[in-house]
Amino acid sequence: METNKKNQRLDQLNRYARNLNNEAKKGKLDPVIGRDDEIRRVLQILSRRTKNNPMLIGEPG
């Protein structure tokens, strides 16, 4: 029963999401250029114990 639920969740995740780690390893993602300060800030926020939800807004690129 437990394995069936896990498989069902994994199927849904694979259907509606992309594994960006695998795509990055394969070189399928464009590099991020000129966003060093923003990346550092996002990492700093993600490392917090509380209020660790960064919001990225603005035009792409």
N, C-alpha and C. Protein backbone atom coordinates (compact mmCIF):
# COMPACT_ATOMS: atom_id res chain seq x y z
N MET A 1 0.83 -1.20 0.00
CA MET A 1 0.00 0.00 0.00
C MET A 1 0.87 1.26 0.00
N GLU A 2 1.86 1.28 0.90
CA GLU A 2 2.74 2.45 1.02
C GLU A 2 3.54 2.66 -0.27
N THR A 3 4.06 1.60 -0.86
CA THR A 3 4.82 1.71 -2.10
C THR A 3 3.95 2.20 -3.24
N ASN A 4 2.71 1.79 -3.27
CA ASN A 4 1.78 2.21 -4.31
C ASN A 4 1.54 3.71 -4.26
N LYS A 5 1.40 4.27 -3.05
CA LYS A 5 1.21 5.72 -2.89
C LYS A 5 2.45 6.48 -3.33
N LYS A 6 3.63 5.96 -2.98
CA LYS A 6 4.88 6.62 -3.36
C LYS A 6 5.03 6.63 -4.88
N ASN A 7 4.72 5.51 -5.51
CA ASN A 7 4.80 5.44 -6.97
C ASN A 7 3.81 6.40 -7.63
N GLN A 8 2.63 6.51 -7.06
CA GLN A 8 1.61 7.41 -7.60
C GLN A 8 2.07 8.87 -7.49
N ARG A 9 2.66 9.23 -6.35
CA ARG A 9 3.17 10.60 -6.17
C ARG A 9 4.30 10.88 -7.14
N LEU A 10 5.20 9.91 -7.29
CA LEU A 10 6.33 10.09 -8.20
C LEU A 10 5.85 10.24 -9.64
N ASP A 11 4.85 9.47 -10.03
CA ASP A 11 4.28 9.60 -11.37
C ASP A 11 3.71 11.00 -11.60
N GLN A 12 3.00 11.52 -10.61
CA GLN A 12 2.43 12.86 -10.73
C GLN A 12 3.52 13.91 -10.79
N LEU A 13 4.55 13.76 -9.98
CA LEU A 13 5.66 14.70 -9.99
C LEU A 13 6.35 14.69 -11.35
N ASN A 14 6.61 13.53 -11.88
CA ASN A 14 7.24 13.43 -13.20
C ASN A 14 6.35 13.99 -14.30
N ARG A 15 5.06 13.91 -14.12
CA ARG A 15 4.13 14.40 -15.13
C ARG A 15 4.05 15.93 -15.16
N TYR A 16 4.10 16.55 -13.99
CA TYR A 16 3.87 18.00 -13.91
C TYR A 16 5.11 18.83 -13.60
N ALA A 17 6.26 18.20 -13.40
CA ALA A 17 7.45 18.95 -13.02
C ALA A 17 8.65 18.48 -13.84
N ARG A 18 9.70 19.29 -13.81
CA ARG A 18 10.95 18.92 -14.46
C ARG A 18 12.03 18.81 -13.40
N ASN A 19 12.94 17.87 -13.55
CA ASN A 19 14.07 17.75 -12.65
C ASN A 19 15.18 18.64 -13.19
N LEU A 20 15.31 19.82 -12.62
CA LEU A 20 16.30 20.78 -13.11
C LEU A 20 17.72 20.34 -12.81
N ASN A 21 17.91 19.53 -11.76
CA ASN A 21 19.25 19.02 -11.47
C ASN A 21 19.75 18.14 -12.61
N ASN A 22 18.90 17.24 -13.08
CA ASN A 22 19.28 16.37 -14.20
C ASN A 22 19.52 17.18 -15.47
N GLU A 23 18.69 18.16 -15.72
CA GLU A 23 18.87 18.98 -16.93
C GLU A 23 20.16 19.79 -16.86
N ALA A 24 20.50 20.29 -15.68
CA ALA A 24 21.75 21.03 -15.52
C ALA A 24 22.96 20.12 -15.75
N LYS A 25 22.90 18.90 -15.21
CA LYS A 25 23.99 17.94 -15.40
C LYS A 25 24.20 17.62 -16.87
N LYS A 26 23.13 17.60 -17.63
CA LYS A 26 23.20 17.28 -19.06
C LYS A 26 23.54 18.51 -19.90
N GLY A 27 23.64 19.68 -19.27
CA GLY A 27 23.97 20.91 -19.99
C GLY A 27 22.82 21.49 -20.77
N LYS A 28 21.59 21.18 -20.37
CA LYS A 28 20.41 21.65 -21.10
C LYS A 28 19.88 22.99 -20.60
N LEU A 29 20.47 23.56 -19.56
CA LEU A 29 20.00 24.85 -19.04
C LEU A 29 20.96 25.96 -19.47
N ASP A 30 20.42 27.12 -19.75
CA ASP A 30 21.25 28.26 -20.10
C ASP A 30 21.98 28.75 -18.85
N PRO A 31 23.22 29.23 -19.01
CA PRO A 31 23.95 29.75 -17.85
C PRO A 31 23.34 31.06 -17.35
N VAL A 32 23.50 31.31 -16.07
CA VAL A 32 23.04 32.57 -15.47
C VAL A 32 24.23 33.52 -15.48
N ILE A 33 24.08 34.64 -16.16
CA ILE A 33 25.18 35.59 -16.31
C ILE A 33 24.77 36.92 -15.70
N GLY A 34 25.65 37.50 -14.89
CA GLY A 34 25.43 38.83 -14.34
C GLY A 34 24.42 38.90 -13.21
N ARG A 35 24.17 37.80 -12.54
CA ARG A 35 23.20 37.79 -11.44
C ARG A 35 23.83 37.29 -10.14
N ASP A 36 25.13 37.52 -9.98
CA ASP A 36 25.84 37.01 -8.80
C ASP A 36 25.25 37.53 -7.49
N ASP A 37 24.96 38.82 -7.42
CA ASP A 37 24.40 39.39 -6.19
C ASP A 37 23.03 38.79 -5.87
N GLU A 38 22.21 38.63 -6.89
CA GLU A 38 20.88 38.07 -6.69
C GLU A 38 20.95 36.61 -6.24
N ILE A 39 21.86 35.86 -6.84
CA ILE A 39 22.01 34.45 -6.47
C ILE A 39 22.49 34.33 -5.04
N ARG A 40 23.47 35.15 -4.65
CA ARG A 40 23.94 35.13 -3.26
C ARG A 40 22.81 35.45 -2.29
N ARG A 41 21.99 36.42 -2.61
CA ARG A 41 20.88 36.80 -1.74
C ARG A 41 19.85 35.68 -1.62
N VAL A 42 19.52 35.03 -2.72
CA VAL A 42 18.58 33.91 -2.68
C VAL A 42 19.15 32.78 -1.83
N LEU A 43 20.43 32.46 -2.00
CA LEU A 43 21.05 31.41 -1.18
C LEU A 43 21.04 31.78 0.30
N GLN A 44 21.28 33.05 0.60
CA GLN A 44 21.25 33.51 1.98
C GLN A 44 19.85 33.32 2.57
N ILE A 45 18.84 33.68 1.84
CA ILE A 45 17.46 33.54 2.31
C ILE A 45 17.10 32.06 2.48
N LEU A 46 17.47 31.22 1.53
CA LEU A 46 17.16 29.80 1.61
C LEU A 46 17.86 29.12 2.78
N SER A 47 18.98 29.68 3.23
CA SER A 47 19.74 29.09 4.33
C SER A 47 19.19 29.44 5.71
N ARG A 48 18.25 30.35 5.78
CA ARG A 48 17.67 30.74 7.06
C ARG A 48 16.87 29.60 7.67
N ARG A 49 16.71 29.67 9.01
CA ARG A 49 15.85 28.70 9.70
C ARG A 49 14.38 29.08 9.54
N THR A 50 14.09 30.37 9.53
CA THR A 50 12.71 30.83 9.37
C THR A 50 12.67 31.86 8.25
N LYS A 51 11.51 32.10 7.74
CA LYS A 51 11.31 33.06 6.64
C LYS A 51 12.28 32.79 5.50
N ASN A 52 12.33 31.54 5.07
CA ASN A 52 13.29 31.14 4.04
C ASN A 52 12.61 30.93 2.68
N ASN A 53 11.77 31.87 2.31
CA ASN A 53 11.03 31.77 1.05
C ASN A 53 11.31 32.99 0.18
N PRO A 54 12.33 32.95 -0.67
CA PRO A 54 12.59 34.10 -1.53
C PRO A 54 11.54 34.21 -2.62
N MET A 55 11.26 35.43 -3.03
CA MET A 55 10.32 35.66 -4.13
C MET A 55 11.09 36.37 -5.24
N LEU A 56 11.10 35.77 -6.40
CA LEU A 56 11.79 36.35 -7.54
C LEU A 56 10.75 36.99 -8.45
N ILE A 57 10.84 38.31 -8.60
CA ILE A 57 9.88 39.03 -9.43
C ILE A 57 10.63 39.90 -10.42
N GLY A 58 9.97 40.28 -11.47
CA GLY A 58 10.58 41.16 -12.45
C GLY A 58 10.61 40.50 -13.82
N GLU A 59 11.16 41.23 -14.75
CA GLU A 59 11.27 40.74 -16.11
C GLU A 59 12.31 39.63 -16.20
N PRO A 60 12.09 38.63 -17.04
CA PRO A 60 13.09 37.58 -17.21
C PRO A 60 14.34 38.12 -17.88
N GLY A 61 15.46 37.51 -17.54
CA GLY A 61 16.73 37.90 -18.15
C GLY A 61 17.38 38.94 -17.38
